[in-house]
Amino acid sequence: MTVIAGFLAAQGMMNVYLVCLIVMAGDLVGDVLYYALGRWGRMGILDKWGKYIGFSSAKIKELEDHFVNHSGKTLLIGKLAHGIGAVFLTAAGLSKMPFGKFIFYNVIGTIPKSLVLLLVGFYFGSAYARINKYFDWLALSMFILAVAFLVIYLLILKFSKKIERDL
């Protein structure tokens, strides 16, 4: 969605600064929901179903220790690993990472990620606008050529009939 929003902003359909703020806010809200799922859904789900997916109490303790020692790095890697970030964000909640620390590192990861995706969309939107100008000129040129060929064809047809009659 961020790339599409950047594309639309380049087309002048959206304000790029407002899009940037909304994208970052939306990203943070979604991440907080994953954190909350890990933090408060932790015991009910994992106690009941954890053994089936390889999560024991020892694994949870290991995860908590990892987040105590490497929370910032782990969260930033997870945040920038587009597509699997939800696992890292849920694990941060599962390990009871302090919420303030979670938000701090999450904002640090959200800003460059959102800006890069927005710029990709903006770049392609700008390129599309430039390419579209060329397509407009190409379409106009092709139309003029088609009309010219039609006029020439009709003139040739008219003169060839006239020459046939005269013979």
N, C-alpha and C. Protein backbone atom coordinates (compact mmCIF):
# COMPACT_ATOMS: atom_id res chain seq x y z
N MET A 1 0.82 -1.19 0.00
CA MET A 1 0.00 0.00 0.00
C MET A 1 0.86 1.26 0.00
N THR A 2 2.01 1.18 0.66
CA THR A 2 2.89 2.36 0.74
C THR A 2 3.41 2.73 -0.63
N VAL A 3 3.78 1.74 -1.42
CA VAL A 3 4.28 2.00 -2.77
C VAL A 3 3.17 2.62 -3.63
N ILE A 4 1.97 2.09 -3.51
CA ILE A 4 0.84 2.63 -4.27
C ILE A 4 0.53 4.06 -3.83
N ALA A 5 0.60 4.31 -2.53
CA ALA A 5 0.36 5.67 -2.03
C ALA A 5 1.42 6.63 -2.56
N GLY A 6 2.67 6.19 -2.63
CA GLY A 6 3.73 7.02 -3.21
C GLY A 6 3.48 7.29 -4.68
N PHE A 7 3.02 6.29 -5.39
CA PHE A 7 2.69 6.44 -6.81
C PHE A 7 1.59 7.50 -6.99
N LEU A 8 0.53 7.38 -6.17
CA LEU A 8 -0.58 8.33 -6.26
C LEU A 8 -0.16 9.73 -5.84
N ALA A 9 0.75 9.83 -4.88
CA ALA A 9 1.26 11.14 -4.46
C ALA A 9 2.05 11.79 -5.60
N ALA A 10 2.80 10.99 -6.34
CA ALA A 10 3.54 11.53 -7.48
C ALA A 10 2.61 12.02 -8.57
N GLN A 11 1.43 11.43 -8.65
CA GLN A 11 0.44 11.84 -9.64
C GLN A 11 -0.33 13.08 -9.19
N GLY A 12 -0.08 13.52 -7.96
CA GLY A 12 -0.76 14.70 -7.44
C GLY A 12 -2.13 14.38 -6.85
N MET A 13 -2.43 13.10 -6.67
CA MET A 13 -3.73 12.71 -6.13
C MET A 13 -3.74 12.71 -4.60
N MET A 14 -2.56 12.71 -4.00
CA MET A 14 -2.45 12.70 -2.54
C MET A 14 -1.30 13.62 -2.13
N ASN A 15 -1.37 14.13 -0.92
CA ASN A 15 -0.30 14.93 -0.36
C ASN A 15 0.78 14.00 0.17
N VAL A 16 1.99 14.10 -0.34
CA VAL A 16 3.05 13.17 0.01
C VAL A 16 3.40 13.23 1.50
N TYR A 17 3.34 14.40 2.11
CA TYR A 17 3.68 14.53 3.53
C TYR A 17 2.61 13.87 4.41
N LEU A 18 1.36 14.07 4.04
CA LEU A 18 0.27 13.45 4.77
C LEU A 18 0.31 11.94 4.60
N VAL A 19 0.59 11.49 3.39
CA VAL A 19 0.71 10.05 3.13
C VAL A 19 1.81 9.46 3.99
N CYS A 20 2.94 10.15 4.08
CA CYS A 20 4.07 9.66 4.88
C CYS A 20 3.66 9.49 6.34
N LEU A 21 3.00 10.48 6.90
CA LEU A 21 2.56 10.40 8.30
C LEU A 21 1.55 9.27 8.52
N ILE A 22 0.60 9.14 7.60
CA ILE A 22 -0.42 8.10 7.73
C ILE A 22 0.20 6.71 7.61
N VAL A 23 1.12 6.55 6.67
CA VAL A 23 1.78 5.26 6.48
C VAL A 23 2.55 4.86 7.74
N MET A 24 3.30 5.80 8.30
CA MET A 24 4.07 5.49 9.50
C MET A 24 3.16 5.19 10.69
N ALA A 25 2.10 5.96 10.84
CA ALA A 25 1.16 5.72 11.94
C ALA A 25 0.48 4.36 11.77
N GLY A 26 0.05 4.05 10.56
CA GLY A 26 -0.59 2.76 10.31
C GLY A 26 0.34 1.60 10.55
N ASP A 27 1.60 1.76 10.17
CA ASP A 27 2.59 0.72 10.39
C ASP A 27 2.80 0.49 11.88
N LEU A 28 2.90 1.57 12.63
CA LEU A 28 3.11 1.45 14.07
C LEU A 28 1.91 0.83 14.77
N VAL A 29 0.70 1.19 14.36
CA VAL A 29 -0.50 0.62 14.98
C VAL A 29 -0.54 -0.89 14.73
N GLY A 30 -0.27 -1.30 13.52
CA GLY A 30 -0.24 -2.73 13.21
C GLY A 30 0.81 -3.47 14.02
N ASP A 31 1.97 -2.85 14.18
CA ASP A 31 3.04 -3.48 14.95
C ASP A 31 2.68 -3.61 16.43
N VAL A 32 2.00 -2.60 16.95
CA VAL A 32 1.56 -2.66 18.35
C VAL A 32 0.54 -3.79 18.53
N LEU A 33 -0.29 -4.02 17.54
CA LEU A 33 -1.25 -5.13 17.62
C LEU A 33 -0.53 -6.49 17.65
N TYR A 34 0.52 -6.64 16.85
CA TYR A 34 1.31 -7.88 16.90
C TYR A 34 1.98 -8.04 18.26
N TYR A 35 2.51 -6.95 18.78
CA TYR A 35 3.13 -6.96 20.10
C TYR A 35 2.11 -7.39 21.14
N ALA A 36 0.91 -6.81 21.09
CA ALA A 36 -0.15 -7.13 22.05
C ALA A 36 -0.55 -8.60 21.94
N LEU A 37 -0.60 -9.11 20.72
CA LEU A 37 -0.92 -10.53 20.53
C LEU A 37 0.10 -11.40 21.25
N GLY A 38 1.36 -11.08 21.10
CA GLY A 38 2.40 -11.85 21.78
C GLY A 38 2.37 -11.66 23.28
N ARG A 39 2.14 -10.44 23.70
CA ARG A 39 2.21 -10.12 25.14
C ARG A 39 1.04 -10.70 25.92
N TRP A 40 -0.18 -10.51 25.44
CA TRP A 40 -1.34 -10.92 26.22
C TRP A 40 -2.00 -12.20 25.71
N GLY A 41 -1.64 -12.63 24.54
CA GLY A 41 -2.17 -13.90 24.04
C GLY A 41 -1.21 -15.04 24.32
N ARG A 42 -0.13 -14.70 24.93
CA ARG A 42 1.00 -15.60 25.15
C ARG A 42 0.63 -16.87 25.91
N MET A 43 0.17 -16.72 27.08
CA MET A 43 0.00 -17.91 27.93
C MET A 43 -1.18 -18.77 27.52
N GLY A 44 -2.29 -18.16 27.18
CA GLY A 44 -3.45 -18.96 26.80
C GLY A 44 -3.18 -19.82 25.58
N ILE A 45 -2.57 -19.21 24.58
CA ILE A 45 -2.33 -19.92 23.32
C ILE A 45 -1.16 -20.89 23.45
N LEU A 46 -0.04 -20.42 23.99
CA LEU A 46 1.15 -21.27 24.04
C LEU A 46 1.04 -22.40 25.04
N ASP A 47 0.38 -22.15 26.16
CA ASP A 47 0.19 -23.24 27.11
C ASP A 47 -0.65 -24.36 26.52
N LYS A 48 -1.63 -23.96 25.74
CA LYS A 48 -2.55 -24.95 25.17
C LYS A 48 -1.99 -25.60 23.90
N TRP A 49 -1.40 -24.79 23.01
CA TRP A 49 -1.01 -25.28 21.68
C TRP A 49 0.50 -25.28 21.43
N GLY A 50 1.27 -24.71 22.32
CA GLY A 50 2.71 -24.57 22.09
C GLY A 50 3.45 -25.87 21.85
N LYS A 51 3.06 -26.91 22.55
CA LYS A 51 3.76 -28.19 22.39
C LYS A 51 3.63 -28.74 20.97
N TYR A 52 2.56 -28.38 20.27
CA TYR A 52 2.36 -28.87 18.91
C TYR A 52 3.22 -28.16 17.88
N ILE A 53 3.68 -26.97 18.21
CA ILE A 53 4.52 -26.21 17.26
C ILE A 53 5.96 -26.06 17.78
N GLY A 54 6.31 -26.80 18.83
CA GLY A 54 7.68 -26.81 19.34
C GLY A 54 8.00 -25.72 20.34
N PHE A 55 7.00 -25.12 20.96
CA PHE A 55 7.23 -24.07 21.96
C PHE A 55 6.98 -24.63 23.35
N SER A 56 8.06 -24.77 24.08
CA SER A 56 7.95 -25.21 25.47
C SER A 56 8.26 -24.02 26.37
N SER A 57 8.12 -24.21 27.68
CA SER A 57 8.46 -23.15 28.64
C SER A 57 9.93 -22.78 28.53
N ALA A 58 10.78 -23.78 28.26
CA ALA A 58 12.22 -23.52 28.12
C ALA A 58 12.50 -22.64 26.91
N LYS A 59 11.79 -22.89 25.82
CA LYS A 59 11.96 -22.06 24.60
C LYS A 59 11.53 -20.63 24.84
N ILE A 60 10.43 -20.46 25.58
CA ILE A 60 9.96 -19.10 25.89
C ILE A 60 10.98 -18.38 26.76
N LYS A 61 11.56 -19.09 27.73
CA LYS A 61 12.59 -18.50 28.59
C LYS A 61 13.81 -18.10 27.74
N GLU A 62 14.18 -18.95 26.81
CA GLU A 62 15.31 -18.66 25.90
C GLU A 62 15.02 -17.42 25.06
N LEU A 63 13.80 -17.31 24.56
CA LEU A 63 13.38 -16.15 23.78
C LEU A 63 13.42 -14.88 24.62
N GLU A 64 12.94 -14.97 25.86
CA GLU A 64 12.98 -13.82 26.75
C GLU A 64 14.41 -13.37 27.01
N ASP A 65 15.30 -14.32 27.25
CA ASP A 65 16.71 -13.98 27.48
C ASP A 65 17.33 -13.33 26.25
N HIS A 66 16.98 -13.86 25.08
CA HIS A 66 17.51 -13.27 23.83
C HIS A 66 17.05 -11.81 23.69
N PHE A 67 15.78 -11.55 23.94
CA PHE A 67 15.27 -10.19 23.81
C PHE A 67 15.83 -9.26 24.89
N VAL A 68 16.16 -9.78 26.06
CA VAL A 68 16.80 -8.94 27.08
C VAL A 68 18.17 -8.49 26.59
N ASN A 69 18.91 -9.39 25.98
CA ASN A 69 20.29 -9.08 25.55
C ASN A 69 20.38 -8.42 24.18
N HIS A 70 19.46 -8.72 23.27
CA HIS A 70 19.58 -8.26 21.88
C HIS A 70 18.28 -7.69 21.34
N SER A 71 17.49 -7.05 22.16
CA SER A 71 16.15 -6.62 21.74
C SER A 71 16.18 -5.63 20.58
N GLY A 72 17.04 -4.63 20.66
CA GLY A 72 17.09 -3.62 19.61
C GLY A 72 17.46 -4.19 18.26
N LYS A 73 18.57 -4.94 18.21
CA LYS A 73 19.04 -5.54 16.96
C LYS A 73 17.98 -6.49 16.37
N THR A 74 17.44 -7.33 17.24
CA THR A 74 16.47 -8.32 16.78
C THR A 74 15.23 -7.65 16.22
N LEU A 75 14.75 -6.64 16.91
CA LEU A 75 13.54 -5.95 16.45
C LEU A 75 13.79 -5.20 15.14
N LEU A 76 14.95 -4.55 15.02
CA LEU A 76 15.26 -3.83 13.78
C LEU A 76 15.41 -4.78 12.60
N ILE A 77 16.07 -5.90 12.82
CA ILE A 77 16.21 -6.89 11.74
C ILE A 77 14.82 -7.40 11.32
N GLY A 78 14.00 -7.71 12.32
CA GLY A 78 12.65 -8.18 12.02
C GLY A 78 11.81 -7.13 11.31
N LYS A 79 11.98 -5.89 11.72
CA LYS A 79 11.21 -4.78 11.13
C LYS A 79 11.61 -4.57 9.67
N LEU A 80 12.88 -4.68 9.38
CA LEU A 80 13.36 -4.44 8.02
C LEU A 80 13.23 -5.67 7.13
N ALA A 81 13.03 -6.84 7.72
CA ALA A 81 12.81 -8.07 6.94
C ALA A 81 11.34 -8.10 6.54
N HIS A 82 11.06 -7.44 5.45
CA HIS A 82 9.67 -7.27 5.00
C HIS A 82 9.05 -8.63 4.73
N GLY A 83 7.89 -8.85 5.29
CA GLY A 83 7.16 -10.09 5.05
C GLY A 83 7.17 -11.04 6.23
N ILE A 84 8.24 -11.03 7.03
CA ILE A 84 8.29 -11.90 8.21
C ILE A 84 8.39 -11.10 9.50
N GLY A 85 8.23 -9.82 9.40
CA GLY A 85 8.34 -8.95 10.57
C GLY A 85 7.34 -9.27 11.66
N ALA A 86 6.17 -9.77 11.29
CA ALA A 86 5.14 -10.07 12.28
C ALA A 86 5.62 -11.09 13.30
N VAL A 87 6.45 -12.02 12.88
CA VAL A 87 6.99 -13.03 13.79
C VAL A 87 7.85 -12.36 14.85
N PHE A 88 8.71 -11.44 14.43
CA PHE A 88 9.60 -10.74 15.36
C PHE A 88 8.81 -9.83 16.30
N LEU A 89 7.80 -9.16 15.75
CA LEU A 89 7.01 -8.25 16.56
C LEU A 89 6.20 -9.01 17.62
N THR A 90 5.64 -10.15 17.22
CA THR A 90 4.90 -10.98 18.17
C THR A 90 5.86 -11.56 19.22
N ALA A 91 7.06 -11.95 18.77
CA ALA A 91 8.06 -12.48 19.71
C ALA A 91 8.48 -11.43 20.72
N ALA A 92 8.53 -10.17 20.31
CA ALA A 92 8.88 -9.08 21.25
C ALA A 92 7.83 -9.00 22.35
N GLY A 93 6.57 -9.12 22.00
CA GLY A 93 5.51 -9.12 23.00
C GLY A 93 5.55 -10.37 23.85
N LEU A 94 5.80 -11.50 23.21
CA LEU A 94 5.87 -12.77 23.90
C LEU A 94 6.96 -12.76 24.96
N SER A 95 8.08 -12.11 24.66
CA SER A 95 9.21 -12.06 25.60
C SER A 95 9.05 -10.96 26.64
N LYS A 96 7.94 -10.26 26.61
CA LYS A 96 7.64 -9.16 27.53
C LYS A 96 8.67 -8.03 27.44
N MET A 97 9.08 -7.73 26.23
CA MET A 97 9.96 -6.60 26.01
C MET A 97 9.24 -5.34 26.50
N PRO A 98 9.92 -4.46 27.24
CA PRO A 98 9.25 -3.24 27.72
C PRO A 98 8.66 -2.45 26.55
N PHE A 99 7.41 -2.00 26.72
CA PHE A 99 6.69 -1.35 25.62
C PHE A 99 7.40 -0.10 25.12
N GLY A 100 7.95 0.71 26.01
CA GLY A 100 8.66 1.92 25.59
C GLY A 100 9.85 1.59 24.70
N LYS A 101 10.58 0.58 25.07
CA LYS A 101 11.73 0.14 24.28
C LYS A 101 11.26 -0.40 22.92
N PHE A 102 10.16 -1.16 22.95
CA PHE A 102 9.59 -1.69 21.72
C PHE A 102 9.22 -0.55 20.77
N ILE A 103 8.54 0.46 21.27
CA ILE A 103 8.13 1.60 20.43
C ILE A 103 9.35 2.33 19.90
N PHE A 104 10.35 2.55 20.76
CA PHE A 104 11.56 3.27 20.33
C PHE A 104 12.21 2.58 19.14
N TYR A 105 12.51 1.30 19.27
CA TYR A 105 13.17 0.58 18.17
C TYR A 105 12.24 0.43 16.96
N ASN A 106 10.99 0.31 17.22
CA ASN A 106 10.03 0.17 16.13
C ASN A 106 9.96 1.45 15.29
N VAL A 107 9.96 2.59 15.95
CA VAL A 107 9.95 3.87 15.22
C VAL A 107 11.24 4.02 14.41
N ILE A 108 12.37 3.63 15.01
CA ILE A 108 13.65 3.69 14.29
C ILE A 108 13.61 2.82 13.04
N GLY A 109 12.94 1.68 13.09
CA GLY A 109 12.82 0.82 11.92
C GLY A 109 11.74 1.26 10.95
N THR A 110 10.68 1.85 11.47
CA THR A 110 9.54 2.25 10.63
C THR A 110 9.89 3.42 9.72
N ILE A 111 10.62 4.39 10.23
CA ILE A 111 10.90 5.60 9.44
C ILE A 111 11.64 5.28 8.14
N PRO A 112 12.80 4.61 8.17
CA PRO A 112 13.47 4.34 6.88
C PRO A 112 12.70 3.38 5.98
N LYS A 113 12.08 2.37 6.59
CA LYS A 113 11.32 1.40 5.78
C LYS A 113 10.18 2.09 5.05
N SER A 114 9.42 2.91 5.76
CA SER A 114 8.29 3.61 5.14
C SER A 114 8.76 4.59 4.09
N LEU A 115 9.83 5.32 4.39
CA LEU A 115 10.35 6.30 3.43
C LEU A 115 10.84 5.63 2.15
N VAL A 116 11.54 4.52 2.28
CA VAL A 116 12.04 3.81 1.09
C VAL A 116 10.87 3.33 0.23
N LEU A 117 9.88 2.69 0.85
CA LEU A 117 8.73 2.20 0.08
C LEU A 117 7.95 3.34 -0.56
N LEU A 118 7.82 4.44 0.17
CA LEU A 118 7.12 5.62 -0.36
C LEU A 118 7.89 6.22 -1.54
N LEU A 119 9.22 6.29 -1.41
CA LEU A 119 10.04 6.83 -2.49
C LEU A 119 10.03 5.94 -3.73
N VAL A 120 9.98 4.64 -3.53
CA VAL A 120 9.89 3.73 -4.68
C VAL A 120 8.61 4.02 -5.46
N GLY A 121 7.51 4.13 -4.75
CA GLY A 121 6.24 4.45 -5.40
C GLY A 121 6.26 5.82 -6.05
N PHE A 122 6.85 6.79 -5.36
CA PHE A 122 6.92 8.15 -5.89
C PHE A 122 7.77 8.20 -7.16
N TYR A 123 8.89 7.47 -7.14
CA TYR A 123 9.76 7.42 -8.32
C TYR A 123 9.02 6.84 -9.52
N PHE A 124 8.34 5.72 -9.32
CA PHE A 124 7.61 5.12 -10.44
C PHE A 124 6.43 5.98 -10.87
N GLY A 125 5.82 6.68 -9.93
CA GLY A 125 4.74 7.60 -10.28
C GLY A 125 5.24 8.76 -11.12
N SER A 126 6.42 9.27 -10.78
CA SER A 126 7.03 10.36 -11.56
C SER A 126 7.42 9.86 -12.95
N ALA A 127 8.00 8.67 -12.99
CA ALA A 127 8.39 8.11 -14.28
C ALA A 127 7.17 7.87 -15.15
N TYR A 128 6.10 7.40 -14.53
CA TYR A 128 4.86 7.16 -15.27
C TYR A 128 4.35 8.46 -15.89
N ALA A 129 4.41 9.54 -15.13
CA ALA A 129 3.94 10.83 -15.65
C ALA A 129 4.77 11.26 -16.86
N ARG A 130 6.08 11.07 -16.77
CA ARG A 130 6.95 11.43 -17.91
C ARG A 130 6.68 10.53 -19.11
N ILE A 131 6.58 9.23 -18.86
CA ILE A 131 6.33 8.28 -19.95
C ILE A 131 4.96 8.54 -20.57
N ASN A 132 3.99 8.89 -19.74
CA ASN A 132 2.65 9.14 -20.23
C ASN A 132 2.63 10.32 -21.21
N LYS A 133 3.47 11.33 -20.97
CA LYS A 133 3.55 12.46 -21.91
C LYS A 133 4.00 11.97 -23.28
N TYR A 134 5.00 11.08 -23.27
CA TYR A 134 5.49 10.55 -24.54
C TYR A 134 4.41 9.71 -25.23
N PHE A 135 3.66 8.95 -24.46
CA PHE A 135 2.57 8.16 -25.04
C PHE A 135 1.48 9.06 -25.61
N ASP A 136 1.22 10.19 -24.97
CA ASP A 136 0.25 11.14 -25.51
C ASP A 136 0.70 11.65 -26.87
N TRP A 137 1.98 12.04 -26.95
CA TRP A 137 2.52 12.52 -28.23
C TRP A 137 2.54 11.40 -29.28
N LEU A 138 2.88 10.22 -28.86
CA LEU A 138 2.90 9.08 -29.78
C LEU A 138 1.49 8.79 -30.30
N ALA A 139 0.50 8.81 -29.42
CA ALA A 139 -0.88 8.56 -29.83
C ALA A 139 -1.36 9.63 -30.80
N LEU A 140 -1.04 10.89 -30.53
CA LEU A 140 -1.42 11.98 -31.43
C LEU A 140 -0.74 11.83 -32.78
N SER A 141 0.54 11.48 -32.76
CA SER A 141 1.27 11.28 -34.03
C SER A 141 0.68 10.13 -34.84
N MET A 142 0.36 9.03 -34.16
CA MET A 142 -0.22 7.88 -34.86
C MET A 142 -1.59 8.23 -35.44
N PHE A 143 -2.37 9.03 -34.72
CA PHE A 143 -3.67 9.46 -35.22
C PHE A 143 -3.51 10.32 -36.47
N ILE A 144 -2.58 11.27 -36.43
CA ILE A 144 -2.33 12.15 -37.59
C ILE A 144 -1.85 11.32 -38.77
N LEU A 145 -0.96 10.37 -38.53
CA LEU A 145 -0.48 9.51 -39.62
C LEU A 145 -1.62 8.67 -40.20
N ALA A 146 -2.47 8.14 -39.35
CA ALA A 146 -3.60 7.33 -39.82
C ALA A 146 -4.54 8.16 -40.68
N VAL A 147 -4.83 9.38 -40.24
CA VAL A 147 -5.69 10.27 -41.02
C VAL A 147 -5.02 10.61 -42.35
N ALA A 148 -3.73 10.90 -42.32
CA ALA A 148 -3.00 11.23 -43.55
C ALA A 148 -3.03 10.05 -44.54
N PHE A 149 -2.78 8.83 -44.03
CA PHE A 149 -2.82 7.66 -44.90
C PHE A 149 -4.22 7.42 -45.46
N LEU A 150 -5.24 7.65 -44.65
CA LEU A 150 -6.62 7.50 -45.11
C LEU A 150 -6.93 8.50 -46.22
N VAL A 151 -6.52 9.76 -46.04
CA VAL A 151 -6.75 10.79 -47.06
C VAL A 151 -6.00 10.43 -48.33
N ILE A 152 -4.76 10.01 -48.21
CA ILE A 152 -3.97 9.62 -49.39
C ILE A 152 -4.61 8.43 -50.10
N TYR A 153 -5.06 7.44 -49.33
CA TYR A 153 -5.71 6.28 -49.91
C TYR A 153 -6.97 6.67 -50.67
N LEU A 154 -7.80 7.53 -50.08
CA LEU A 154 -9.03 7.96 -50.74
C LEU A 154 -8.74 8.77 -52.00
N LEU A 155 -7.71 9.62 -51.95
CA LEU A 155 -7.33 10.38 -53.14
C LEU A 155 -6.83 9.47 -54.25
N ILE A 156 -6.02 8.49 -53.90
CA ILE A 156 -5.53 7.53 -54.89
C ILE A 156 -6.69 6.76 -55.49
N LEU A 157 -7.61 6.33 -54.64
CA LEU A 157 -8.78 5.59 -55.11
C LEU A 157 -9.62 6.44 -56.06
N LYS A 158 -9.82 7.71 -55.70
CA LYS A 158 -10.62 8.61 -56.52
C LYS A 158 -9.96 8.84 -57.88
N PHE A 159 -8.63 9.11 -57.86
CA PHE A 159 -7.94 9.37 -59.12
C PHE A 159 -7.81 8.11 -59.98
N SER A 160 -7.66 6.95 -59.33
CA SER A 160 -7.55 5.71 -60.12
C SER A 160 -8.88 5.41 -60.82
N LYS A 161 -10.01 5.69 -60.18
CA LYS A 161 -11.32 5.50 -60.83
C LYS A 161 -11.49 6.48 -61.97
N LYS A 162 -11.02 7.73 -61.77
CA LYS A 162 -11.13 8.72 -62.81
C LYS A 162 -10.30 8.35 -64.03
N ILE A 163 -9.10 7.82 -63.77
CA ILE A 163 -8.21 7.41 -64.86
C ILE A 163 -8.82 6.23 -65.58
N GLU A 164 -9.45 5.28 -64.89
CA GLU A 164 -10.10 4.13 -65.51
C GLU A 164 -11.24 4.58 -66.43
N ARG A 165 -12.03 5.54 -65.99
CA ARG A 165 -13.12 6.04 -66.80
C ARG A 165 -12.62 6.73 -68.06
N ASP A 166 -11.53 7.45 -67.90
CA ASP A 166 -10.99 8.19 -69.04
C ASP A 166 -10.39 7.25 -70.08
N LEU A 167 -9.97 6.08 -69.70
CA LEU A 167 -9.39 5.15 -70.66
C LEU A 167 -10.49 4.48 -71.38
